Amino acid sequence: MEGRGNQRTMKGVVVSSKMEKTIVVRTERLVKHAVFHKYIRQYAKYKAHDEGNQCRVGDKVLIVESRPLSRDKRWRMRTILERAK
């Protein structure tokens, strides 16, 4: 899957791995508030393809944008950065 243009990558934590070959990854980003100028954490959840069913809840993973794999699955798990304790 390498070499298909610029692919977006994100780091996140696996919050669900109950589906077959699919994980749900929660990502976090910091956004500056327009009025109060404080940084606010915003979270988003993405469904990602996990071919070998090797991820568990709590793992930190790297996901990569890919072609649509199902109705709401547009990401693919590339590597497990850190295993859950």
PDB file of N, CA and C in Angstrom:
ATOM      1  N   MET A   1       0.812  -1.201   0.000  1.00  0.00           N
ATOM      2  CA  MET A   1       0.000   0.000   0.000  1.00  0.00           C
ATOM      3  C   MET A   1       0.857   1.268   0.000  1.00  0.00           C
ATOM      4  N   GLU A   2       2.157   1.120  -0.061  1.00  0.00           N
ATOM      5  CA  GLU A   2       3.031   2.281  -0.040  1.00  0.00           C
ATOM      6  C   GLU A   2       3.036   2.962  -1.409  1.00  0.00           C
ATOM      7  N   GLY A   3       3.316   4.264  -1.389  1.00  0.00           N
ATOM      8  CA  GLY A   3       3.497   4.995  -2.631  1.00  0.00           C
ATOM      9  C   GLY A   3       2.207   5.395  -3.320  1.00  0.00           C
ATOM     10  N   ARG A   4       1.145   5.636  -2.570  1.00  0.00           N
ATOM     11  CA  ARG A   4      -0.115   6.050  -3.186  1.00  0.00           C
ATOM     12  C   ARG A   4      -0.399   7.512  -2.863  1.00  0.00           C
ATOM     13  N   GLY A   5       0.566   8.369  -3.056  1.00  0.00           N
ATOM     14  CA  GLY A   5       0.370   9.781  -2.762  1.00  0.00           C
ATOM     15  C   GLY A   5       0.603  10.072  -1.297  1.00  0.00           C
ATOM     16  N   ASN A   6       0.156  11.248  -0.870  1.00  0.00           N
ATOM     17  CA  ASN A   6       0.326  11.635   0.522  1.00  0.00           C
ATOM     18  C   ASN A   6      -0.800  11.042   1.356  1.00  0.00           C
ATOM     19  N   GLN A   7      -0.423  10.167   2.292  1.00  0.00           N
ATOM     20  CA  GLN A   7      -1.406   9.557   3.169  1.00  0.00           C
ATOM     21  C   GLN A   7      -1.349  10.235   4.524  1.00  0.00           C
ATOM     22  N   ARG A   8      -2.524  10.585   5.063  1.00  0.00           N
ATOM     23  CA  ARG A   8      -2.580  11.165   6.394  1.00  0.00           C
ATOM     24  C   ARG A   8      -2.357  10.058   7.410  1.00  0.00           C
ATOM     25  N   THR A   9      -1.611  10.367   8.456  1.00  0.00           N
ATOM     26  CA  THR A   9      -1.407   9.409   9.534  1.00  0.00           C
ATOM     27  C   THR A   9      -1.835  10.052  10.842  1.00  0.00           C
ATOM     28  N   MET A  10      -2.311   9.234  11.774  1.00  0.00           N
ATOM     29  CA  MET A  10      -2.708   9.704  13.098  1.00  0.00           C
ATOM     30  C   MET A  10      -2.330   8.671  14.134  1.00  0.00           C
ATOM     31  N   LYS A  11      -2.053   9.174  15.338  1.00  0.00           N
ATOM     32  CA  LYS A  11      -1.810   8.294  16.468  1.00  0.00           C
ATOM     33  C   LYS A  11      -3.042   8.316  17.356  1.00  0.00           C
ATOM     34  N   GLY A  12      -3.353   7.170  17.944  1.00  0.00           N
ATOM     35  CA  GLY A  12      -4.514   7.119  18.810  1.00  0.00           C
ATOM     36  C   GLY A  12      -4.495   5.882  19.684  1.00  0.00           C
ATOM     37  N   VAL A  13      -5.539   5.748  20.495  1.00  0.00           N
ATOM     38  CA  VAL A  13      -5.674   4.641  21.436  1.00  0.00           C
ATOM     39  C   VAL A  13      -6.868   3.802  21.016  1.00  0.00           C
ATOM     40  N   VAL A  14      -6.698   2.487  21.026  1.00  0.00           N
ATOM     41  CA  VAL A  14      -7.782   1.572  20.664  1.00  0.00           C
ATOM     42  C   VAL A  14      -8.805   1.557  21.799  1.00  0.00           C
ATOM     43  N   VAL A  15     -10.059   1.868  21.487  1.00  0.00           N
ATOM     44  CA  VAL A  15     -11.113   1.863  22.498  1.00  0.00           C
ATOM     45  C   VAL A  15     -12.058   0.677  22.323  1.00  0.00           C
ATOM     46  N   SER A  16     -12.018   0.009  21.159  1.00  0.00           N
ATOM     47  CA  SER A  16     -12.839  -1.173  20.947  1.00  0.00           C
ATOM     48  C   SER A  16     -12.170  -2.060  19.908  1.00  0.00           C
ATOM     49  N   SER A  17     -12.192  -3.368  20.181  1.00  0.00           N
ATOM     50  CA  SER A  17     -11.668  -4.322  19.193  1.00  0.00           C
ATOM     51  C   SER A  17     -12.599  -5.528  19.104  1.00  0.00           C
ATOM     52  N   LYS A  18     -13.887  -5.312  19.315  1.00  0.00           N
ATOM     53  CA  LYS A  18     -14.854  -6.410  19.334  1.00  0.00           C
ATOM     54  C   LYS A  18     -15.251  -6.872  17.936  1.00  0.00           C
ATOM     55  N   MET A  19     -15.085  -6.003  16.932  1.00  0.00           N
ATOM     56  CA  MET A  19     -15.480  -6.372  15.573  1.00  0.00           C
ATOM     57  C   MET A  19     -14.393  -7.202  14.915  1.00  0.00           C
ATOM     58  N   GLU A  20     -14.790  -7.964  13.920  1.00  0.00           N
ATOM     59  CA  GLU A  20     -13.858  -8.802  13.178  1.00  0.00           C
ATOM     60  C   GLU A  20     -13.042  -7.925  12.225  1.00  0.00           C
ATOM     61  N   LYS A  21     -11.720  -7.928  12.398  1.00  0.00           N
ATOM     62  CA  LYS A  21     -10.780  -7.182  11.548  1.00  0.00           C
ATOM     63  C   LYS A  21     -11.008  -5.674  11.565  1.00  0.00           C
ATOM     64  N   THR A  22     -11.636  -5.156  12.619  1.00  0.00           N
ATOM     65  CA  THR A  22     -11.890  -3.720  12.738  1.00  0.00           C
ATOM     66  C   THR A  22     -11.617  -3.273  14.164  1.00  0.00           C
ATOM     67  N   ILE A  23     -10.969  -2.118  14.291  1.00  0.00           N
ATOM     68  CA  ILE A  23     -10.758  -1.516  15.605  1.00  0.00           C
ATOM     69  C   ILE A  23     -11.313  -0.102  15.575  1.00  0.00           C
ATOM     70  N   VAL A  24     -11.671   0.409  16.750  1.00  0.00           N
ATOM     71  CA  VAL A  24     -12.100   1.800  16.878  1.00  0.00           C
ATOM     72  C   VAL A  24     -10.982   2.532  17.611  1.00  0.00           C
ATOM     73  N   VAL A  25     -10.463   3.589  16.992  1.00  0.00           N
ATOM     74  CA  VAL A  25      -9.320   4.333  17.519  1.00  0.00           C
ATOM     75  C   VAL A  25      -9.773   5.732  17.892  1.00  0.00           C
ATOM     76  N   ARG A  26      -9.450   6.174  19.111  1.00  0.00           N
ATOM     77  CA  ARG A  26      -9.777   7.525  19.558  1.00  0.00           C
ATOM     78  C   ARG A  26      -8.523   8.383  19.452  1.00  0.00           C
ATOM     79  N   THR A  27      -8.629   9.477  18.692  1.00  0.00           N
ATOM     80  CA  THR A  27      -7.502  10.405  18.529  1.00  0.00           C
ATOM     81  C   THR A  27      -7.807  11.687  19.286  1.00  0.00           C
ATOM     82  N   GLU A  28      -6.757  12.416  19.592  1.00  0.00           N
ATOM     83  CA  GLU A  28      -6.887  13.638  20.381  1.00  0.00           C
ATOM     84  C   GLU A  28      -6.138  14.754  19.675  1.00  0.00           C
ATOM     85  N   ARG A  29      -6.726  15.955  19.678  1.00  0.00           N
ATOM     86  CA  ARG A  29      -6.013  17.123  19.150  1.00  0.00           C
ATOM     87  C   ARG A  29      -6.303  18.313  20.036  1.00  0.00           C
ATOM     88  N   LEU A  30      -5.358  19.235  20.076  1.00  0.00           N
ATOM     89  CA  LEU A  30      -5.490  20.438  20.887  1.00  0.00           C
ATOM     90  C   LEU A  30      -5.922  21.596  19.988  1.00  0.00           C
ATOM     91  N   VAL A  31      -6.981  22.304  20.419  1.00  0.00           N
ATOM     92  CA  VAL A  31      -7.510  23.435  19.664  1.00  0.00           C
ATOM     93  C   VAL A  31      -7.550  24.632  20.596  1.00  0.00           C
ATOM     94  N   LYS A  32      -7.085  25.778  20.114  1.00  0.00           N
ATOM     95  CA  LYS A  32      -7.084  26.987  20.925  1.00  0.00           C
ATOM     96  C   LYS A  32      -8.467  27.631  20.908  1.00  0.00           C
ATOM     97  N   HIS A  33      -8.995  27.939  22.077  1.00  0.00           N
ATOM     98  CA  HIS A  33     -10.300  28.581  22.185  1.00  0.00           C
ATOM     99  C   HIS A  33     -10.216  30.008  21.644  1.00  0.00           C
ATOM    100  N   ALA A  34     -11.210  30.415  20.876  1.00  0.00           N
ATOM    101  CA  ALA A  34     -11.173  31.710  20.196  1.00  0.00           C
ATOM    102  C   ALA A  34     -11.212  32.885  21.169  1.00  0.00           C
ATOM    103  N   VAL A  35     -11.975  32.782  22.258  1.00  0.00           N
ATOM    104  CA  VAL A  35     -12.136  33.901  23.186  1.00  0.00           C
ATOM    105  C   VAL A  35     -11.174  33.785  24.366  1.00  0.00           C
ATOM    106  N   PHE A  36     -11.123  32.610  24.975  1.00  0.00           N
ATOM    107  CA  PHE A  36     -10.356  32.459  26.214  1.00  0.00           C
ATOM    108  C   PHE A  36      -8.893  32.089  25.992  1.00  0.00           C
ATOM    109  N   HIS A  37      -8.501  31.752  24.761  1.00  0.00           N
ATOM    110  CA  HIS A  37      -7.118  31.441  24.398  1.00  0.00           C
ATOM    111  C   HIS A  37      -6.532  30.291  25.211  1.00  0.00           C
ATOM    112  N   LYS A  38      -7.383  29.398  25.691  1.00  0.00           N
ATOM    113  CA  LYS A  38      -6.911  28.186  26.355  1.00  0.00           C
ATOM    114  C   LYS A  38      -6.981  27.039  25.361  1.00  0.00           C
ATOM    115  N   TYR A  39      -6.141  26.050  25.558  1.00  0.00           N
ATOM    116  CA  TYR A  39      -6.159  24.896  24.678  1.00  0.00           C
ATOM    117  C   TYR A  39      -7.154  23.869  25.195  1.00  0.00           C
ATOM    118  N   ILE A  40      -8.000  23.393  24.285  1.00  0.00           N
ATOM    119  CA  ILE A  40      -9.050  22.433  24.611  1.00  0.00           C
ATOM    120  C   ILE A  40      -8.743  21.140  23.880  1.00  0.00           C
ATOM    121  N   ARG A  41      -8.923  20.011  24.578  1.00  0.00           N
ATOM    122  CA  ARG A  41      -8.738  18.711  23.947  1.00  0.00           C
ATOM    123  C   ARG A  41     -10.010  18.341  23.193  1.00  0.00           C
ATOM    124  N   GLN A  42      -9.840  17.989  21.921  1.00  0.00           N
ATOM    125  CA  GLN A  42     -10.963  17.492  21.133  1.00  0.00           C
ATOM    126  C   GLN A  42     -10.646  16.077  20.700  1.00  0.00           C
ATOM    127  N   TYR A  43     -11.642  15.196  20.799  1.00  0.00           N
ATOM    128  CA  TYR A  43     -11.459  13.795  20.483  1.00  0.00           C
ATOM    129  C   TYR A  43     -12.281  13.427  19.260  1.00  0.00           C
ATOM    130  N   ALA A  44     -11.785  12.469  18.505  1.00  0.00           N
ATOM    131  CA  ALA A  44     -12.533  11.918  17.373  1.00  0.00           C
ATOM    132  C   ALA A  44     -12.277  10.417  17.352  1.00  0.00           C
ATOM    133  N   LYS A  45     -13.272   9.664  16.898  1.00  0.00           N
ATOM    134  CA  LYS A  45     -13.127   8.217  16.814  1.00  0.00           C
ATOM    135  C   LYS A  45     -13.179   7.783  15.357  1.00  0.00           C
ATOM    136  N   TYR A  46     -12.269   6.901  14.973  1.00  0.00           N
ATOM    137  CA  TYR A  46     -12.190   6.387  13.612  1.00  0.00           C
ATOM    138  C   TYR A  46     -12.199   4.868  13.658  1.00  0.00           C
ATOM    139  N   LYS A  47     -12.879   4.259  12.683  1.00  0.00           N
ATOM    140  CA  LYS A  47     -12.807   2.813  12.525  1.00  0.00           C
ATOM    141  C   LYS A  47     -11.653   2.506  11.579  1.00  0.00           C
ATOM    142  N   ALA A  48     -10.810   1.564  11.983  1.00  0.00           N
ATOM    143  CA  ALA A  48      -9.624   1.232  11.198  1.00  0.00           C
ATOM    144  C   ALA A  48      -9.572  -0.268  10.958  1.00  0.00           C
ATOM    145  N   HIS A  49      -8.981  -0.650   9.839  1.00  0.00           N
ATOM    146  CA  HIS A  49      -8.862  -2.050   9.456  1.00  0.00           C
ATOM    147  C   HIS A  49      -7.659  -2.669  10.158  1.00  0.00           C
ATOM    148  N   ASP A  50      -7.878  -3.798  10.815  1.00  0.00           N
ATOM    149  CA  ASP A  50      -6.823  -4.536  11.523  1.00  0.00           C
ATOM    150  C   ASP A  50      -6.843  -5.957  10.984  1.00  0.00           C
ATOM    151  N   GLU A  51      -6.020  -6.211   9.974  1.00  0.00           N
ATOM    152  CA  GLU A  51      -6.082  -7.471   9.231  1.00  0.00           C
ATOM    153  C   GLU A  51      -5.879  -8.700  10.111  1.00  0.00           C
ATOM    154  N   GLY A  52      -4.933  -8.640  11.045  1.00  0.00           N
ATOM    155  CA  GLY A  52      -4.614  -9.824  11.829  1.00  0.00           C
ATOM    156  C   GLY A  52      -5.321  -9.914  13.171  1.00  0.00           C
ATOM    157  N   ASN A  53      -6.258  -9.011  13.448  1.00  0.00           N
ATOM    158  CA  ASN A  53      -6.924  -8.958  14.761  1.00  0.00           C
ATOM    159  C   ASN A  53      -5.912  -8.953  15.895  1.00  0.00           C
ATOM    160  N   GLN A  54      -4.841  -8.160  15.757  1.00  0.00           N
ATOM    161  CA  GLN A  54      -3.769  -8.190  16.743  1.00  0.00           C
ATOM    162  C   GLN A  54      -3.853  -7.080  17.780  1.00  0.00           C
ATOM    163  N   CYS A  55      -4.737  -6.112  17.597  1.00  0.00           N
ATOM    164  CA  CYS A  55      -4.861  -5.008  18.549  1.00  0.00           C
ATOM    165  C   CYS A  55      -5.786  -5.369  19.692  1.00  0.00           C
ATOM    166  N   ARG A  56      -5.465  -4.812  20.873  1.00  0.00           N
ATOM    167  CA  ARG A  56      -6.313  -4.961  22.050  1.00  0.00           C
ATOM    168  C   ARG A  56      -6.679  -3.572  22.558  1.00  0.00           C
ATOM    169  N   VAL A  57      -7.690  -3.501  23.399  1.00  0.00           N
ATOM    170  CA  VAL A  57      -8.125  -2.225  23.961  1.00  0.00           C
ATOM    171  C   VAL A  57      -6.982  -1.644  24.788  1.00  0.00           C
ATOM    172  N   GLY A  58      -6.684  -0.364  24.576  1.00  0.00           N
ATOM    173  CA  GLY A  58      -5.619   0.312  25.300  1.00  0.00           C
ATOM    174  C   GLY A  58      -4.320   0.434  24.535  1.00  0.00           C
ATOM    175  N   ASP A  59      -4.168  -0.283  23.418  1.00  0.00           N
ATOM    176  CA  ASP A  59      -2.956  -0.183  22.611  1.00  0.00           C
ATOM    177  C   ASP A  59      -2.889   1.186  21.943  1.00  0.00           C
ATOM    178  N   LYS A  60      -1.676   1.735  21.848  1.00  0.00           N
ATOM    179  CA  LYS A  60      -1.455   2.954  21.079  1.00  0.00           C
ATOM    180  C   LYS A  60      -1.033   2.533  19.678  1.00  0.00           C
ATOM    181  N   VAL A  61      -1.740   3.050  18.666  1.00  0.00           N
ATOM    182  CA  VAL A  61      -1.515   2.609  17.292  1.00  0.00           C
ATOM    183  C   VAL A  61      -1.329   3.798  16.360  1.00  0.00           C
ATOM    184  N   LEU A  62      -0.762   3.503  15.203  1.00  0.00           N
ATOM    185  CA  LEU A  62      -0.617   4.471  14.120  1.00  0.00           C
ATOM    186  C   LEU A  62      -1.567   4.032  13.016  1.00  0.00           C
ATOM    187  N   ILE A  63      -2.489   4.922  12.616  1.00  0.00           N
ATOM    188  CA  ILE A  63      -3.423   4.595  11.541  1.00  0.00           C
ATOM    189  C   ILE A  63      -3.135   5.467  10.332  1.00  0.00           C
ATOM    190  N   VAL A  64      -3.425   4.918   9.152  1.00  0.00           N
ATOM    191  CA  VAL A  64      -3.131   5.572   7.883  1.00  0.00           C
ATOM    192  C   VAL A  64      -4.405   5.642   7.069  1.00  0.00           C
ATOM    193  N   GLU A  65      -4.622   6.766   6.427  1.00  0.00           N
ATOM    194  CA  GLU A  65      -5.797   6.933   5.578  1.00  0.00           C
ATOM    195  C   GLU A  65      -5.694   6.002   4.371  1.00  0.00           C
ATOM    196  N   SER A  66      -6.827   5.413   3.976  1.00  0.00           N
ATOM    197  CA  SER A  66      -6.814   4.505   2.832  1.00  0.00           C
ATOM    198  C   SER A  66      -8.114   4.670   2.048  1.00  0.00           C
ATOM    199  N   ARG A  67      -8.271   3.839   1.051  1.00  0.00           N
ATOM    200  CA  ARG A  67      -9.517   3.851   0.266  1.00  0.00           C
ATOM    201  C   ARG A  67     -10.658   3.360   1.154  1.00  0.00           C
ATOM    202  N   PRO A  68     -11.902   3.633   0.785  1.00  0.00           N
ATOM    203  CA  PRO A  68     -13.018   3.139   1.592  1.00  0.00           C
ATOM    204  C   PRO A  68     -13.032   1.613   1.630  1.00  0.00           C
ATOM    205  N   LEU A  69     -13.047   1.064   2.847  1.00  0.00           N
ATOM    206  CA  LEU A  69     -13.054  -0.383   3.028  1.00  0.00           C
ATOM    207  C   LEU A  69     -14.433  -0.898   3.396  1.00  0.00           C
ATOM    208  N   SER A  70     -15.283  -0.029   3.933  1.00  0.00           N
ATOM    209  CA  SER A  70     -16.676  -0.366   4.218  1.00  0.00           C
ATOM    210  C   SER A  70     -17.440   0.949   4.306  1.00  0.00           C
ATOM    211  N   ARG A  71     -18.666   0.892   4.826  1.00  0.00           N
ATOM    212  CA  ARG A  71     -19.500   2.099   4.858  1.00  0.00           C
ATOM    213  C   ARG A  71     -18.859   3.223   5.653  1.00  0.00           C
ATOM    214  N   ASP A  72     -18.220   2.886   6.790  1.00  0.00           N
ATOM    215  CA  ASP A  72     -17.621   3.942   7.618  1.00  0.00           C
ATOM    216  C   ASP A  72     -16.189   3.628   8.025  1.00  0.00           C
ATOM    217  N   LYS A  73     -15.513   2.795   7.266  1.00  0.00           N
ATOM    218  CA  LYS A  73     -14.113   2.449   7.562  1.00  0.00           C
ATOM    219  C   LYS A  73     -13.217   3.002   6.456  1.00  0.00           C
ATOM    220  N   ARG A  74     -12.415   4.024   6.805  1.00  0.00           N
ATOM    221  CA  ARG A  74     -11.560   4.709   5.827  1.00  0.00           C
ATOM    222  C   ARG A  74     -10.091   4.726   6.254  1.00  0.00           C
ATOM    223  N   TRP A  75      -9.761   3.980   7.306  1.00  0.00           N
ATOM    224  CA  TRP A  75      -8.406   3.994   7.844  1.00  0.00           C
ATOM    225  C   TRP A  75      -7.893   2.573   7.966  1.00  0.00           C
ATOM    226  N   ARG A  76      -6.570   2.440   8.019  1.00  0.00           N
ATOM    227  CA  ARG A  76      -5.919   1.149   8.125  1.00  0.00           C
ATOM    228  C   ARG A  76      -4.867   1.237   9.222  1.00  0.00           C
ATOM    229  N   MET A  77      -4.818   0.246  10.087  1.00  0.00           N
ATOM    230  CA  MET A  77      -3.829   0.237  11.162  1.00  0.00           C
ATOM    231  C   MET A  77      -2.475  -0.135  10.569  1.00  0.00           C
ATOM    232  N   ARG A  78      -1.458   0.727  10.796  1.00  0.00           N
ATOM    233  CA  ARG A  78      -0.130   0.449  10.255  1.00  0.00           C
ATOM    234  C   ARG A  78       0.736  -0.282  11.269  1.00  0.00           C
ATOM    235  N   THR A  79       0.932   0.314  12.453  1.00  0.00           N
ATOM    236  CA  THR A  79       1.774  -0.333  13.463  1.00  0.00           C
ATOM    237  C   THR A  79       1.186  -0.115  14.849  1.00  0.00           C
ATOM    238  N   ILE A  80       1.569  -1.026  15.745  1.00  0.00           N
ATOM    239  CA  ILE A  80       1.232  -0.862  17.153  1.00  0.00           C
ATOM    240  C   ILE A  80       2.436  -0.182  17.798  1.00  0.00           C
ATOM    241  N   LEU A  81       2.229   1.023  18.317  1.00  0.00           N
ATOM    242  CA  LEU A  81       3.323   1.792  18.907  1.00  0.00           C
ATOM    243  C   LEU A  81       3.631   1.340  20.327  1.00  0.00           C
ATOM    244  N   GLU A  82       2.578   1.020  21.075  1.00  0.00           N
ATOM    245  CA  GLU A  82       2.758   0.633  22.484  1.00  0.00           C
ATOM    246  C   GLU A  82       1.622  -0.291  22.878  1.00  0.00           C
ATOM    247  N   ARG A  83       1.981  -1.396  23.519  1.00  0.00           N
ATOM    248  CA  ARG A  83       0.974  -2.363  23.966  1.00  0.00           C
ATOM    249  C   ARG A  83       0.325  -1.878  25.266  1.00  0.00           C
ATOM    250  N   ALA A  84      -0.929  -2.282  25.483  1.00  0.00           N
ATOM    251  CA  ALA A  84      -1.628  -1.954  26.726  1.00  0.00           C
ATOM    252  C   ALA A  84      -1.001  -2.729  27.881  1.00  0.00           C
ATOM    253  N   LYS A  85      -1.008  -2.142  29.032  1.00  0.00           N
ATOM    254  CA  LYS A  85      -0.416  -2.795  30.198  1.00  0.00           C
ATOM    255  C   LYS A  85      -1.394  -3.753  30.847  1.00  0.00           C
TER     256      LYS A  85
END
